[in-house]
Amino acid sequence: MTENNHGIENEVVVSRDETNVELEFVIPVTSDFFHGHFPQFKILPAVGQFEIVTRFSRKYLNTTRWVAGVRRMKFSAPVLPETKLRLKLSRDPAKNSVEFDLSGADDGKSYSNGIFTAEAQ
């Protein structure tokens, strides 16, 4: 089975260590995340943002995609197609938690942030 990347390819690793990663990527207008979600004003739905967060958490921080709980989650602004994004992920192994911050790579605009519980694989 091939994983659906929703059109996100070739994310760039800005920095990485055992428990932290910072990535930059673009979600193209052709991504299925934008299909049917406000056709006249395409935005990335909150569930799409969280899908991206958990996918990259699994890929780079070796967590499961299954989320046991969400401590805090805030969606501050709509993400438009072709926006260059920066995602910071930080895993706390002692608490089995991951903190995330999704912002504009060029302007630092905050799009979403939060903390969720996910076990290591």
PDB file of N, CA and C in Angstrom:
ATOM      1  N   MET A   1       0.846  -1.184   0.000  1.00  0.00           N
ATOM      2  CA  MET A   1       0.000   0.000   0.000  1.00  0.00           C
ATOM      3  C   MET A   1       0.886   1.240   0.000  1.00  0.00           C
ATOM      4  N   THR A   2       0.614   2.153  -0.877  1.00  0.00           N
ATOM      5  CA  THR A   2       1.382   3.391  -0.974  1.00  0.00           C
ATOM      6  C   THR A   2       0.731   4.462  -0.112  1.00  0.00           C
ATOM      7  N   GLU A   3       1.557   5.175   0.658  1.00  0.00           N
ATOM      8  CA  GLU A   3       1.037   6.250   1.498  1.00  0.00           C
ATOM      9  C   GLU A   3       0.661   7.443   0.629  1.00  0.00           C
ATOM     10  N   ASN A   4      -0.498   8.033   0.911  1.00  0.00           N
ATOM     11  CA  ASN A   4      -0.941   9.225   0.186  1.00  0.00           C
ATOM     12  C   ASN A   4      -0.239  10.435   0.773  1.00  0.00           C
ATOM     13  N   ASN A   5       0.570  11.098  -0.020  1.00  0.00           N
ATOM     14  CA  ASN A   5       1.301  12.282   0.437  1.00  0.00           C
ATOM     15  C   ASN A   5       0.515  13.561   0.208  1.00  0.00           C
ATOM     16  N   HIS A   6      -0.680  13.444  -0.347  1.00  0.00           N
ATOM     17  CA  HIS A   6      -1.550  14.602  -0.581  1.00  0.00           C
ATOM     18  C   HIS A   6      -0.844  15.693  -1.384  1.00  0.00           C
ATOM     19  N   GLY A   7       0.083  15.285  -2.247  1.00  0.00           N
ATOM     20  CA  GLY A   7       0.781  16.248  -3.094  1.00  0.00           C
ATOM     21  C   GLY A   7       1.992  16.888  -2.446  1.00  0.00           C
ATOM     22  N   ILE A   8       2.249  16.572  -1.180  1.00  0.00           N
ATOM     23  CA  ILE A   8       3.414  17.143  -0.491  1.00  0.00           C
ATOM     24  C   ILE A   8       4.605  16.238  -0.775  1.00  0.00           C
ATOM     25  N   GLU A   9       5.568  16.771  -1.490  1.00  0.00           N
ATOM     26  CA  GLU A   9       6.753  15.995  -1.841  1.00  0.00           C
ATOM     27  C   GLU A   9       7.993  16.825  -1.574  1.00  0.00           C
ATOM     28  N   ASN A  10       9.058  16.137  -1.297  1.00  0.00           N
ATOM     29  CA  ASN A  10      10.365  16.779  -1.153  1.00  0.00           C
ATOM     30  C   ASN A  10      10.407  17.841  -0.059  1.00  0.00           C
ATOM     31  N   GLU A  11       9.859  17.493   1.107  1.00  0.00           N
ATOM     32  CA  GLU A  11      10.011  18.419   2.228  1.00  0.00           C
ATOM     33  C   GLU A  11      11.501  18.581   2.521  1.00  0.00           C
ATOM     34  N   VAL A  12      11.877  19.750   2.974  1.00  0.00           N
ATOM     35  CA  VAL A  12      13.277  20.060   3.264  1.00  0.00           C
ATOM     36  C   VAL A  12      13.474  20.023   4.774  1.00  0.00           C
ATOM     37  N   VAL A  13      14.470  19.266   5.218  1.00  0.00           N
ATOM     38  CA  VAL A  13      14.810  19.226   6.639  1.00  0.00           C
ATOM     39  C   VAL A  13      15.724  20.409   6.923  1.00  0.00           C
ATOM     40  N   VAL A  14      15.236  21.355   7.717  1.00  0.00           N
ATOM     41  CA  VAL A  14      16.011  22.538   8.091  1.00  0.00           C
ATOM     42  C   VAL A  14      16.968  22.185   9.218  1.00  0.00           C
ATOM     43  N   SER A  15      16.469  21.447  10.209  1.00  0.00           N
ATOM     44  CA  SER A  15      17.313  20.962  11.309  1.00  0.00           C
ATOM     45  C   SER A  15      16.667  19.716  11.895  1.00  0.00           C
ATOM     46  N   ARG A  16      17.511  18.881  12.512  1.00  0.00           N
ATOM     47  CA  ARG A  16      16.993  17.628  13.068  1.00  0.00           C
ATOM     48  C   ARG A  16      17.967  17.074  14.089  1.00  0.00           C
ATOM     49  N   ASP A  17      17.395  16.572  15.188  1.00  0.00           N
ATOM     50  CA  ASP A  17      18.147  15.752  16.128  1.00  0.00           C
ATOM     51  C   ASP A  17      17.216  14.629  16.587  1.00  0.00           C
ATOM     52  N   GLU A  18      17.570  13.940  17.645  1.00  0.00           N
ATOM     53  CA  GLU A  18      16.807  12.760  18.058  1.00  0.00           C
ATOM     54  C   GLU A  18      15.348  13.065  18.422  1.00  0.00           C
ATOM     55  N   THR A  19      15.090  14.222  19.003  1.00  0.00           N
ATOM     56  CA  THR A  19      13.733  14.526  19.474  1.00  0.00           C
ATOM     57  C   THR A  19      13.114  15.775  18.839  1.00  0.00           C
ATOM     58  N   ASN A  20      13.790  16.372  17.881  1.00  0.00           N
ATOM     59  CA  ASN A  20      13.292  17.598  17.244  1.00  0.00           C
ATOM     60  C   ASN A  20      13.533  17.555  15.743  1.00  0.00           C
ATOM     61  N   VAL A  21      12.610  18.151  15.013  1.00  0.00           N
ATOM     62  CA  VAL A  21      12.811  18.313  13.581  1.00  0.00           C
ATOM     63  C   VAL A  21      12.109  19.597  13.143  1.00  0.00           C
ATOM     64  N   GLU A  22      12.728  20.268  12.187  1.00  0.00           N
ATOM     65  CA  GLU A  22      12.144  21.464  11.590  1.00  0.00           C
ATOM     66  C   GLU A  22      12.156  21.254  10.082  1.00  0.00           C
ATOM     67  N   LEU A  23      10.980  21.376   9.460  1.00  0.00           N
ATOM     68  CA  LEU A  23      10.809  21.093   8.039  1.00  0.00           C
ATOM     69  C   LEU A  23      10.221  22.291   7.316  1.00  0.00           C
ATOM     70  N   GLU A  24      10.494  22.382   6.024  1.00  0.00           N
ATOM     71  CA  GLU A  24       9.825  23.350   5.158  1.00  0.00           C
ATOM     72  C   GLU A  24       9.237  22.589   3.976  1.00  0.00           C
ATOM     73  N   PHE A  25       8.035  22.989   3.570  1.00  0.00           N
ATOM     74  CA  PHE A  25       7.357  22.331   2.457  1.00  0.00           C
ATOM     75  C   PHE A  25       6.235  23.229   1.950  1.00  0.00           C
ATOM     76  N   VAL A  26       5.708  22.859   0.789  1.00  0.00           N
ATOM     77  CA  VAL A  26       4.589  23.563   0.166  1.00  0.00           C
ATOM     78  C   VAL A  26       3.494  22.541  -0.110  1.00  0.00           C
ATOM     79  N   ILE A  27       2.251  22.932   0.134  1.00  0.00           N
ATOM     80  CA  ILE A  27       1.115  22.084  -0.217  1.00  0.00           C
ATOM     81  C   ILE A  27       0.527  22.657  -1.507  1.00  0.00           C
ATOM     82  N   PRO A  28       0.661  21.918  -2.611  1.00  0.00           N
ATOM     83  CA  PRO A  28       0.235  22.468  -3.902  1.00  0.00           C
ATOM     84  C   PRO A  28      -1.284  22.594  -4.002  1.00  0.00           C
ATOM     85  N   VAL A  29      -1.728  23.493  -4.850  1.00  0.00           N
ATOM     86  CA  VAL A  29      -3.161  23.708  -5.068  1.00  0.00           C
ATOM     87  C   VAL A  29      -3.837  22.432  -5.565  1.00  0.00           C
ATOM     88  N   THR A  30      -3.073  21.526  -6.176  1.00  0.00           N
ATOM     89  CA  THR A  30      -3.612  20.266  -6.684  1.00  0.00           C
ATOM     90  C   THR A  30      -3.803  19.215  -5.593  1.00  0.00           C
ATOM     91  N   SER A  31      -3.355  19.480  -4.378  1.00  0.00           N
ATOM     92  CA  SER A  31      -3.497  18.523  -3.277  1.00  0.00           C
ATOM     93  C   SER A  31      -4.966  18.206  -3.025  1.00  0.00           C
ATOM     94  N   ASP A  32      -5.248  16.926  -2.762  1.00  0.00           N
ATOM     95  CA  ASP A  32      -6.631  16.542  -2.475  1.00  0.00           C
ATOM     96  C   ASP A  32      -7.138  17.126  -1.157  1.00  0.00           C
ATOM     97  N   PHE A  33      -6.258  17.671  -0.338  1.00  0.00           N
ATOM     98  CA  PHE A  33      -6.711  18.365   0.869  1.00  0.00           C
ATOM     99  C   PHE A  33      -7.647  19.528   0.526  1.00  0.00           C
ATOM    100  N   PHE A  34      -7.451  20.131  -0.625  1.00  0.00           N
ATOM    101  CA  PHE A  34      -8.226  21.310  -1.000  1.00  0.00           C
ATOM    102  C   PHE A  34      -9.497  20.988  -1.791  1.00  0.00           C
ATOM    103  N   HIS A  35      -9.689  19.721  -2.172  1.00  0.00           N
ATOM    104  CA  HIS A  35     -10.854  19.338  -2.969  1.00  0.00           C
ATOM    105  C   HIS A  35     -12.118  19.407  -2.128  1.00  0.00           C
ATOM    106  N   GLY A  36     -13.064  20.220  -2.554  1.00  0.00           N
ATOM    107  CA  GLY A  36     -14.365  20.279  -1.908  1.00  0.00           C
ATOM    108  C   GLY A  36     -14.420  21.080  -0.627  1.00  0.00           C
ATOM    109  N   HIS A  37     -13.297  21.616  -0.194  1.00  0.00           N
ATOM    110  CA  HIS A  37     -13.286  22.407   1.036  1.00  0.00           C
ATOM    111  C   HIS A  37     -13.290  23.877   0.642  1.00  0.00           C
ATOM    112  N   PHE A  38     -14.460  24.475   0.653  1.00  0.00           N
ATOM    113  CA  PHE A  38     -14.652  25.856   0.201  1.00  0.00           C
ATOM    114  C   PHE A  38     -14.106  26.024  -1.228  1.00  0.00           C
ATOM    115  N   PRO A  39     -14.789  25.472  -2.224  1.00  0.00           N
ATOM    116  CA  PRO A  39     -14.290  25.505  -3.604  1.00  0.00           C
ATOM    117  C   PRO A  39     -13.912  26.895  -4.115  1.00  0.00           C
ATOM    118  N   GLN A  40     -14.607  27.930  -3.680  1.00  0.00           N
ATOM    119  CA  GLN A  40     -14.301  29.284  -4.147  1.00  0.00           C
ATOM    120  C   GLN A  40     -13.161  29.931  -3.367  1.00  0.00           C
ATOM    121  N   PHE A  41     -12.830  29.377  -2.205  1.00  0.00           N
ATOM    122  CA  PHE A  41     -11.752  29.922  -1.365  1.00  0.00           C
ATOM    123  C   PHE A  41     -11.072  28.743  -0.684  1.00  0.00           C
ATOM    124  N   LYS A  42     -10.144  28.125  -1.403  1.00  0.00           N
ATOM    125  CA  LYS A  42      -9.513  26.897  -0.922  1.00  0.00           C
ATOM    126  C   LYS A  42      -8.638  27.172   0.296  1.00  0.00           C
ATOM    127  N   ILE A  43      -8.879  26.383   1.354  1.00  0.00           N
ATOM    128  CA  ILE A  43      -8.025  26.426   2.540  1.00  0.00           C
ATOM    129  C   ILE A  43      -7.738  24.997   2.982  1.00  0.00           C
ATOM    130  N   LEU A  44      -6.646  24.833   3.700  1.00  0.00           N
ATOM    131  CA  LEU A  44      -6.280  23.532   4.244  1.00  0.00           C
ATOM    132  C   LEU A  44      -7.099  23.290   5.505  1.00  0.00           C
ATOM    133  N   PRO A  45      -7.947  22.256   5.522  1.00  0.00           N
ATOM    134  CA  PRO A  45      -8.756  22.013   6.709  1.00  0.00           C
ATOM    135  C   PRO A  45      -7.895  21.647   7.921  1.00  0.00           C
ATOM    136  N   ALA A  46      -8.428  21.891   9.103  1.00  0.00           N
ATOM    137  CA  ALA A  46      -7.701  21.588  10.339  1.00  0.00           C
ATOM    138  C   ALA A  46      -7.300  20.119  10.398  1.00  0.00           C
ATOM    139  N   VAL A  47      -8.186  19.231   9.977  1.00  0.00           N
ATOM    140  CA  VAL A  47      -7.865  17.805   9.993  1.00  0.00           C
ATOM    141  C   VAL A  47      -6.695  17.512   9.053  1.00  0.00           C
ATOM    142  N   GLY A  48      -6.583  18.243   7.961  1.00  0.00           N
ATOM    143  CA  GLY A  48      -5.445  18.096   7.055  1.00  0.00           C
ATOM    144  C   GLY A  48      -4.154  18.565   7.694  1.00  0.00           C
ATOM    145  N   GLN A  49      -4.225  19.678   8.414  1.00  0.00           N
ATOM    146  CA  GLN A  49      -3.039  20.164   9.125  1.00  0.00           C
ATOM    147  C   GLN A  49      -2.559  19.115  10.123  1.00  0.00           C
ATOM    148  N   PHE A  50      -3.500  18.537  10.873  1.00  0.00           N
ATOM    149  CA  PHE A  50      -3.109  17.555  11.888  1.00  0.00           C
ATOM    150  C   PHE A  50      -2.610  16.262  11.242  1.00  0.00           C
ATOM    151  N   GLU A  51      -3.162  15.895  10.092  1.00  0.00           N
ATOM    152  CA  GLU A  51      -2.670  14.719   9.372  1.00  0.00           C
ATOM    153  C   GLU A  51      -1.209  14.912   8.986  1.00  0.00           C
ATOM    154  N   ILE A  52      -0.869  16.096   8.517  1.00  0.00           N
ATOM    155  CA  ILE A  52       0.513  16.405   8.147  1.00  0.00           C
ATOM    156  C   ILE A  52       1.423  16.324   9.370  1.00  0.00           C
ATOM    157  N   VAL A  53       0.966  16.884  10.474  1.00  0.00           N
ATOM    158  CA  VAL A  53       1.745  16.870  11.720  1.00  0.00           C
ATOM    159  C   VAL A  53       2.031  15.438  12.161  1.00  0.00           C
ATOM    160  N   THR A  54       1.007  14.581  12.206  1.00  0.00           N
ATOM    161  CA  THR A  54       1.224  13.209  12.676  1.00  0.00           C
ATOM    162  C   THR A  54       2.045  12.397  11.679  1.00  0.00           C
ATOM    163  N   ARG A  55       1.882  12.669  10.391  1.00  0.00           N
ATOM    164  CA  ARG A  55       2.677  11.946   9.384  1.00  0.00           C
ATOM    165  C   ARG A  55       4.162  12.248   9.542  1.00  0.00           C
ATOM    166  N   PHE A  56       4.494  13.548   9.654  1.00  0.00           N
ATOM    167  CA  PHE A  56       5.900  13.902   9.787  1.00  0.00           C
ATOM    168  C   PHE A  56       6.451  13.536  11.163  1.00  0.00           C
ATOM    169  N   SER A  57       5.610  13.509  12.183  1.00  0.00           N
ATOM    170  CA  SER A  57       6.044  13.046  13.500  1.00  0.00           C
ATOM    171  C   SER A  57       6.447  11.571  13.419  1.00  0.00           C
ATOM    172  N   ARG A  58       5.661  10.792  12.717  1.00  0.00           N
ATOM    173  CA  ARG A  58       5.996   9.381  12.538  1.00  0.00           C
ATOM    174  C   ARG A  58       7.288   9.234  11.734  1.00  0.00           C
ATOM    175  N   LYS A  59       7.373   9.961  10.640  1.00  0.00           N
ATOM    176  CA  LYS A  59       8.513   9.822   9.735  1.00  0.00           C
ATOM    177  C   LYS A  59       9.832  10.247  10.379  1.00  0.00           C
ATOM    178  N   TYR A  60       9.823  11.356  11.119  1.00  0.00           N
ATOM    179  CA  TYR A  60      11.076  11.916  11.624  1.00  0.00           C
ATOM    180  C   TYR A  60      11.328  11.693  13.113  1.00  0.00           C
ATOM    181  N   LEU A  61      10.260  11.473  13.901  1.00  0.00           N
ATOM    182  CA  LEU A  61      10.445  11.304  15.346  1.00  0.00           C
ATOM    183  C   LEU A  61      10.054   9.912  15.826  1.00  0.00           C
ATOM    184  N   ASN A  62       9.708   9.035  14.867  1.00  0.00           N
ATOM    185  CA  ASN A  62       9.432   7.637  15.155  1.00  0.00           C
ATOM    186  C   ASN A  62       8.272   7.443  16.134  1.00  0.00           C
ATOM    187  N   THR A  63       7.211   8.226  15.972  1.00  0.00           N
ATOM    188  CA  THR A  63       6.017   8.042  16.790  1.00  0.00           C
ATOM    189  C   THR A  63       4.968   7.285  15.985  1.00  0.00           C
ATOM    190  N   THR A  64       3.962   6.777  16.671  1.00  0.00           N
ATOM    191  CA  THR A  64       2.852   6.140  15.976  1.00  0.00           C
ATOM    192  C   THR A  64       1.950   7.218  15.381  1.00  0.00           C
ATOM    193  N   ARG A  65       1.129   6.840  14.426  1.00  0.00           N
ATOM    194  CA  ARG A  65       0.136   7.775  13.879  1.00  0.00           C
ATOM    195  C   ARG A  65      -1.095   7.821  14.775  1.00  0.00           C
ATOM    196  N   TRP A  66      -1.243   6.817  15.637  1.00  0.00           N
ATOM    197  CA  TRP A  66      -2.374   6.782  16.557  1.00  0.00           C
ATOM    198  C   TRP A  66      -2.140   7.802  17.660  1.00  0.00           C
ATOM    199  N   VAL A  67      -3.081   8.702  17.843  1.00  0.00           N
ATOM    200  CA  VAL A  67      -2.969   9.768  18.833  1.00  0.00           C
ATOM    201  C   VAL A  67      -3.831   9.400  20.037  1.00  0.00           C
ATOM    202  N   ALA A  68      -3.190   9.262  21.198  1.00  0.00           N
ATOM    203  CA  ALA A  68      -3.902   8.870  22.419  1.00  0.00           C
ATOM    204  C   ALA A  68      -4.677  10.027  23.028  1.00  0.00           C
ATOM    205  N   GLY A  69      -4.229  11.240  22.776  1.00  0.00           N
ATOM    206  CA  GLY A  69      -4.913  12.397  23.339  1.00  0.00           C
ATOM    207  C   GLY A  69      -4.329  13.690  22.810  1.00  0.00           C
ATOM    208  N   VAL A  70      -5.117  14.738  22.922  1.00  0.00           N
ATOM    209  CA  VAL A  70      -4.675  16.071  22.514  1.00  0.00           C
ATOM    210  C   VAL A  70      -4.754  16.971  23.737  1.00  0.00           C
ATOM    211  N   ARG A  71      -3.624  17.521  24.141  1.00  0.00           N
ATOM    212  CA  ARG A  71      -3.597  18.413  25.306  1.00  0.00           C
ATOM    213  C   ARG A  71      -4.013  19.825  24.933  1.00  0.00           C
ATOM    214  N   ARG A  72      -3.559  20.252  23.767  1.00  0.00           N
ATOM    215  CA  ARG A  72      -3.865  21.612  23.318  1.00  0.00           C
ATOM    216  C   ARG A  72      -3.723  21.642  21.805  1.00  0.00           C
ATOM    217  N   MET A  73      -4.642  22.337  21.156  1.00  0.00           N
ATOM    218  CA  MET A  73      -4.549  22.510  19.715  1.00  0.00           C
ATOM    219  C   MET A  73      -5.238  23.819  19.354  1.00  0.00           C
ATOM    220  N   LYS A  74      -4.527  24.651  18.614  1.00  0.00           N
ATOM    221  CA  LYS A  74      -5.072  25.946  18.222  1.00  0.00           C
ATOM    222  C   LYS A  74      -4.791  26.165  16.743  1.00  0.00           C
ATOM    223  N   PHE A  75      -5.834  26.550  16.020  1.00  0.00           N
ATOM    224  CA  PHE A  75      -5.715  26.878  14.610  1.00  0.00           C
ATOM    225  C   PHE A  75      -5.944  28.378  14.489  1.00  0.00           C
ATOM    226  N   SER A  76      -4.895  29.110  14.124  1.00  0.00           N
ATOM    227  CA  SER A  76      -4.900  30.577  14.194  1.00  0.00           C
ATOM    228  C   SER A  76      -5.286  31.280  12.908  1.00  0.00           C
ATOM    229  N   ALA A  77      -4.968  30.674  11.769  1.00  0.00           N
ATOM    230  CA  ALA A  77      -5.193  31.340  10.483  1.00  0.00           C
ATOM    231  C   ALA A  77      -5.348  30.280   9.399  1.00  0.00           C
ATOM    232  N   PRO A  78      -6.090  30.596   8.326  1.00  0.00           N
ATOM    233  CA  PRO A  78      -6.245  29.634   7.240  1.00  0.00           C
ATOM    234  C   PRO A  78      -4.953  29.477   6.437  1.00  0.00           C
ATOM    235  N   VAL A  79      -4.671  28.229   6.063  1.00  0.00           N
ATOM    236  CA  VAL A  79      -3.520  27.921   5.209  1.00  0.00           C
ATOM    237  C   VAL A  79      -4.026  27.838   3.774  1.00  0.00           C
ATOM    238  N   LEU A  80      -3.484  28.679   2.921  1.00  0.00           N
ATOM    239  CA  LEU A  80      -3.876  28.714   1.516  1.00  0.00           C
ATOM    240  C   LEU A  80      -2.960  27.825   0.679  1.00  0.00           C
ATOM    241  N   PRO A  81      -3.429  27.376  -0.494  1.00  0.00           N
ATOM    242  CA  PRO A  81      -2.575  26.581  -1.374  1.00  0.00           C
ATOM    243  C   PRO A  81      -1.297  27.339  -1.731  1.00  0.00           C
ATOM    244  N   GLU A  82      -0.234  26.580  -1.928  1.00  0.00           N
ATOM    245  CA  GLU A  82       1.074  27.096  -2.359  1.00  0.00           C
ATOM    246  C   GLU A  82       1.786  27.945  -1.303  1.00  0.00           C
ATOM    247  N   THR A  83       1.297  27.939  -0.067  1.00  0.00           N
ATOM    248  CA  THR A  83       1.984  28.650   1.012  1.00  0.00           C
ATOM    249  C   THR A  83       3.209  27.843   1.429  1.00  0.00           C
ATOM    250  N   LYS A  84       4.361  28.495   1.509  1.00  0.00           N
ATOM    251  CA  LYS A  84       5.570  27.829   1.988  1.00  0.00           C
ATOM    252  C   LYS A  84       5.480  27.763   3.510  1.00  0.00           C
ATOM    253  N   LEU A  85       5.471  26.536   4.037  1.00  0.00           N
ATOM    254  CA  LEU A  85       5.251  26.310   5.461  1.00  0.00           C
ATOM    255  C   LEU A  85       6.502  25.814   6.165  1.00  0.00           C
ATOM    256  N   ARG A  86       6.577  26.118   7.439  1.00  0.00           N
ATOM    257  CA  ARG A  86       7.628  25.594   8.308  1.00  0.00           C
ATOM    258  C   ARG A  86       6.939  24.867   9.458  1.00  0.00           C
ATOM    259  N   LEU A  87       7.314  23.613   9.665  1.00  0.00           N
ATOM    260  CA  LEU A  87       6.759  22.801  10.740  1.00  0.00           C
ATOM    261  C   LEU A  87       7.867  22.437  11.712  1.00  0.00           C
ATOM    262  N   LYS A  88       7.656  22.789  12.973  1.00  0.00           N
ATOM    263  CA  LYS A  88       8.583  22.414  14.040  1.00  0.00           C
ATOM    264  C   LYS A  88       7.899  21.364  14.896  1.00  0.00           C
ATOM    265  N   LEU A  89       8.589  20.247  15.103  1.00  0.00           N
ATOM    266  CA  LEU A  89       8.095  19.163  15.940  1.00  0.00           C
ATOM    267  C   LEU A  89       9.114  18.875  17.025  1.00  0.00           C
ATOM    268  N   SER A  90       8.634  18.695  18.248  1.00  0.00           N
ATOM    269  CA  SER A  90       9.512  18.389  19.370  1.00  0.00           C
ATOM    270  C   SER A  90       8.874  17.293  20.211  1.00  0.00           C
ATOM    271  N   ARG A  91       9.573  16.167  20.357  1.00  0.00           N
ATOM    272  CA  ARG A  91       9.040  15.023  21.102  1.00  0.00           C
ATOM    273  C   ARG A  91       9.617  14.999  22.508  1.00  0.00           C
ATOM    274  N   ASP A  92       8.758  14.781  23.488  1.00  0.00           N
ATOM    275  CA  ASP A  92       9.172  14.602  24.882  1.00  0.00           C
ATOM    276  C   ASP A  92       8.948  13.135  25.228  1.00  0.00           C
ATOM    277  N   PRO A  93      10.006  12.304  25.174  1.00  0.00           N
ATOM    278  CA  PRO A  93       9.845  10.867  25.410  1.00  0.00           C
ATOM    279  C   PRO A  93       9.284  10.540  26.793  1.00  0.00           C
ATOM    280  N   ALA A  94       9.619  11.327  27.802  1.00  0.00           N
ATOM    281  CA  ALA A  94       9.145  11.064  29.163  1.00  0.00           C
ATOM    282  C   ALA A  94       7.626  11.206  29.271  1.00  0.00           C
ATOM    283  N   LYS A  95       7.054  12.098  28.483  1.00  0.00           N
ATOM    284  CA  LYS A  95       5.606  12.342  28.528  1.00  0.00           C
ATOM    285  C   LYS A  95       4.865  11.719  27.343  1.00  0.00           C
ATOM    286  N   ASN A  96       5.601  11.044  26.455  1.00  0.00           N
ATOM    287  CA  ASN A  96       5.012  10.509  25.222  1.00  0.00           C
ATOM    288  C   ASN A  96       4.228  11.583  24.474  1.00  0.00           C
ATOM    289  N   SER A  97       4.797  12.777  24.418  1.00  0.00           N
ATOM    290  CA  SER A  97       4.081  13.876  23.772  1.00  0.00           C
ATOM    291  C   SER A  97       4.914  14.497  22.658  1.00  0.00           C
ATOM    292  N   VAL A  98       4.204  15.141  21.756  1.00  0.00           N
ATOM    293  CA  VAL A  98       4.826  15.873  20.659  1.00  0.00           C
ATOM    294  C   VAL A  98       4.206  17.268  20.633  1.00  0.00           C
ATOM    295  N   GLU A  99       5.066  18.271  20.618  1.00  0.00           N
ATOM    296  CA  GLU A  99       4.612  19.649  20.474  1.00  0.00           C
ATOM    297  C   GLU A  99       4.870  20.065  19.034  1.00  0.00           C
ATOM    298  N   PHE A 100       3.912  20.765  18.431  1.00  0.00           N
ATOM    299  CA  PHE A 100       4.089  21.197  17.049  1.00  0.00           C
ATOM    300  C   PHE A 100       3.773  22.676  16.895  1.00  0.00           C
ATOM    301  N   ASP A 101       4.395  23.255  15.873  1.00  0.00           N
ATOM    302  CA  ASP A 101       4.132  24.642  15.502  1.00  0.00           C
ATOM    303  C   ASP A 101       4.221  24.731  13.985  1.00  0.00           C
ATOM    304  N   LEU A 102       3.123  25.107  13.345  1.00  0.00           N
ATOM    305  CA  LEU A 102       3.074  25.263  11.896  1.00  0.00           C
ATOM    306  C   LEU A 102       2.971  26.749  11.592  1.00  0.00           C
ATOM    307  N   SER A 103       3.939  27.256  10.831  1.00  0.00           N
ATOM    308  CA  SER A 103       3.982  28.692  10.547  1.00  0.00           C
ATOM    309  C   SER A 103       4.433  28.925   9.112  1.00  0.00           C
ATOM    310  N   GLY A 104       4.333  30.172   8.679  1.00  0.00           N
ATOM    311  CA  GLY A 104       4.817  30.548   7.363  1.00  0.00           C
ATOM    312  C   GLY A 104       6.335  30.556   7.356  1.00  0.00           C
ATOM    313  N   ALA A 105       6.937  29.901   6.370  1.00  0.00           N
ATOM    314  CA  ALA A 105       8.401  29.828   6.303  1.00  0.00           C
ATOM    315  C   ALA A 105       9.012  31.186   6.003  1.00  0.00           C
ATOM    316  N   ASP A 106       8.305  32.016   5.255  1.00  0.00           N
ATOM    317  CA  ASP A 106       8.859  33.311   4.860  1.00  0.00           C
ATOM    318  C   ASP A 106       8.498  34.446   5.812  1.00  0.00           C
ATOM    319  N   ASP A 107       7.292  34.387   6.384  1.00  0.00           N
ATOM    320  CA  ASP A 107       6.841  35.516   7.213  1.00  0.00           C
ATOM    321  C   ASP A 107       6.634  35.175   8.685  1.00  0.00           C
ATOM    322  N   GLY A 108       6.751  33.902   9.061  1.00  0.00           N
ATOM    323  CA  GLY A 108       6.595  33.502  10.456  1.00  0.00           C
ATOM    324  C   GLY A 108       5.164  33.518  10.963  1.00  0.00           C
ATOM    325  N   LYS A 109       4.206  33.761  10.079  1.00  0.00           N
ATOM    326  CA  LYS A 109       2.798  33.804  10.475  1.00  0.00           C
ATOM    327  C   LYS A 109       2.388  32.474  11.092  1.00  0.00           C
ATOM    328  N   SER A 110       1.737  32.513  12.250  1.00  0.00           N
ATOM    329  CA  SER A 110       1.312  31.298  12.939  1.00  0.00           C
ATOM    330  C   SER A 110       0.023  30.764  12.319  1.00  0.00           C
ATOM    331  N   TYR A 111       0.035  29.469  11.972  1.00  0.00           N
ATOM    332  CA  TYR A 111      -1.160  28.819  11.434  1.00  0.00           C
ATOM    333  C   TYR A 111      -1.784  27.871  12.445  1.00  0.00           C
ATOM    334  N   SER A 112      -0.964  27.074  13.124  1.00  0.00           N
ATOM    335  CA  SER A 112      -1.494  26.173  14.145  1.00  0.00           C
ATOM    336  C   SER A 112      -0.366  25.721  15.059  1.00  0.00           C
ATOM    337  N   ASN A 113      -0.765  25.298  16.259  1.00  0.00           N
ATOM    338  CA  ASN A 113       0.204  24.754  17.210  1.00  0.00           C
ATOM    339  C   ASN A 113      -0.541  23.920  18.231  1.00  0.00           C
ATOM    340  N   GLY A 114       0.201  23.087  18.932  1.00  0.00           N
ATOM    341  CA  GLY A 114      -0.429  22.262  19.944  1.00  0.00           C
ATOM    342  C   GLY A 114       0.497  21.199  20.485  1.00  0.00           C
ATOM    343  N   ILE A 115      -0.084  20.376  21.352  1.00  0.00           N
ATOM    344  CA  ILE A 115       0.627  19.256  21.968  1.00  0.00           C
ATOM    345  C   ILE A 115      -0.312  18.054  21.947  1.00  0.00           C
ATOM    346  N   PHE A 116       0.204  16.905  21.517  1.00  0.00           N
ATOM    347  CA  PHE A 116      -0.597  15.686  21.521  1.00  0.00           C
ATOM    348  C   PHE A 116       0.237  14.531  22.058  1.00  0.00           C
ATOM    349  N   THR A 117      -0.451  13.474  22.464  1.00  0.00           N
ATOM    350  CA  THR A 117       0.198  12.292  23.013  1.00  0.00           C
ATOM    351  C   THR A 117       0.287  11.224  21.931  1.00  0.00           C
ATOM    352  N   ALA A 118       1.498  10.704  21.725  1.00  0.00           N
ATOM    353  CA  ALA A 118       1.719   9.638  20.752  1.00  0.00           C
ATOM    354  C   ALA A 118       2.882   8.788  21.230  1.00  0.00           C
ATOM    355  N   GLU A 119       2.699   7.490  21.222  1.00  0.00           N
ATOM    356  CA  GLU A 119       3.731   6.556  21.660  1.00  0.00           C
ATOM    357  C   GLU A 119       4.844   6.450  20.620  1.00  0.00           C
ATOM    358  N   ALA A 120       6.028   6.090  21.077  1.00  0.00           N
ATOM    359  CA  ALA A 120       7.124   5.778  20.157  1.00  0.00           C
ATOM    360  C   ALA A 120       6.823   4.441  19.498  1.00  0.00           C
ATOM    361  N   GLN A 121       7.296   4.265  18.275  1.00  0.00           N
ATOM    362  CA  GLN A 121       7.086   2.997  17.562  1.00  0.00           C
ATOM    363  C   GLN A 121       8.016   1.938  18.091  1.00  0.00           C
TER     364      GLN A 121
END
